Amino acid sequence: MKKLLQTILEPMLEHPESLTLSVEETPSKVVYHIDAHESDIGRIIGRRGRMIKAVRTIMSSSNNDHKKRVFVDVD
């Protein structure tokens, strides 16, 4: 799933080399933390949050373990 998130995000960034993804997993949830270059944060969030909402929807839909909720946070 981390590779999927990276594949989605890298093409939209001006500085893809600065993209850092970390995963925090508990028995009930999985949290993906996105850290990117300051100028790329706006691209990840998108106008009115549309882009990050779409990314969260894709990540939730592709969740293989249906017992865990998936969250995507932008740091």
Protein backbone atom coordinates (compact mmCIF):
# COMPACT_ATOMS: atom_id res chain seq x y z
CA MET A 1 0.00 0.00 0.00
CA LYS A 2 2.91 2.34 0.69
CA LYS A 3 4.16 1.76 -2.86
CA LEU A 4 0.68 2.59 -4.21
CA LEU A 5 0.65 5.88 -2.30
CA GLN A 6 4.12 6.73 -3.58
CA THR A 7 3.07 5.91 -7.16
CA ILE A 8 0.06 8.22 -6.87
CA LEU A 9 1.93 11.15 -5.33
CA GLU A 10 5.29 11.30 -7.13
CA PRO A 11 4.04 12.42 -10.58
CA MET A 12 2.25 15.46 -9.15
CA LEU A 13 5.24 16.81 -7.20
CA GLU A 14 7.87 19.33 -8.29
CA HIS A 15 10.36 17.77 -5.84
CA PRO A 16 9.56 14.02 -5.79
CA GLU A 17 12.93 13.25 -4.20
CA SER A 18 11.82 14.99 -0.99
CA LEU A 19 8.72 12.79 -0.57
CA THR A 20 8.86 10.75 2.63
CA LEU A 21 6.19 8.24 3.60
CA SER A 22 5.95 6.61 7.00
CA VAL A 23 3.45 4.07 8.28
CA GLU A 24 2.02 3.76 11.76
CA GLU A 25 0.05 0.56 12.31
CA THR A 26 -2.16 -0.46 15.23
CA PRO A 27 -4.58 -3.38 15.55
CA SER A 28 -7.50 -1.21 14.39
CA LYS A 29 -5.97 1.28 11.96
CA VAL A 30 -3.16 2.10 9.55
CA VAL A 31 -1.95 5.72 9.31
CA TYR A 32 0.18 6.88 6.38
CA HIS A 33 2.12 10.08 7.09
CA ILE A 34 3.16 12.13 4.06
CA ASP A 35 6.05 14.55 4.35
CA ALA A 36 7.08 16.54 1.27
CA HIS A 37 8.79 19.73 0.17
CA GLU A 38 7.04 22.86 1.42
CA SER A 39 6.00 23.93 -2.08
CA ASP A 40 4.49 20.49 -2.83
CA ILE A 41 2.14 20.35 0.16
CA GLY A 42 -0.42 22.51 -1.67
CA ARG A 43 -0.31 20.17 -4.67
CA ILE A 44 -0.93 17.15 -2.44
CA ILE A 45 -3.88 18.81 -0.69
CA GLY A 46 -5.32 20.31 -3.86
CA ARG A 47 -7.94 22.97 -4.32
CA ARG A 48 -10.42 22.75 -1.46
CA GLY A 49 -8.83 19.45 -0.42
CA ARG A 50 -10.04 17.55 -3.46
CA MET A 51 -6.72 15.85 -4.21
CA ILE A 52 -6.07 14.54 -0.70
CA LYS A 53 -9.69 13.42 -0.45
CA ALA A 54 -9.27 11.42 -3.67
CA VAL A 55 -6.02 9.90 -2.39
CA ARG A 56 -7.71 8.91 0.88
CA THR A 57 -10.59 7.32 -1.04
CA ILE A 58 -8.21 5.29 -3.21
CA MET A 59 -6.20 4.13 -0.21
CA SER A 60 -9.34 3.15 1.72
CA SER A 61 -10.76 1.29 -1.27
CA SER A 62 -7.58 -0.68 -1.86
CA ASN A 63 -7.36 -1.75 1.79
CA ASN A 64 -6.86 -5.54 1.87
CA ASP A 65 -7.44 -5.89 5.59
CA HIS A 66 -11.03 -4.73 6.04
CA LYS A 67 -10.76 -4.87 9.82
CA LYS A 68 -8.39 -1.89 9.80
CA ARG A 69 -9.28 1.69 8.91
CA VAL A 70 -6.89 3.60 6.68
CA PHE A 71 -5.91 7.22 7.33
CA VAL A 72 -3.66 9.50 5.27
CA ASP A 73 -2.11 12.52 7.02
CA VAL A 74 -0.08 15.32 5.46
CA ASP A 75 2.66 16.62 7.74
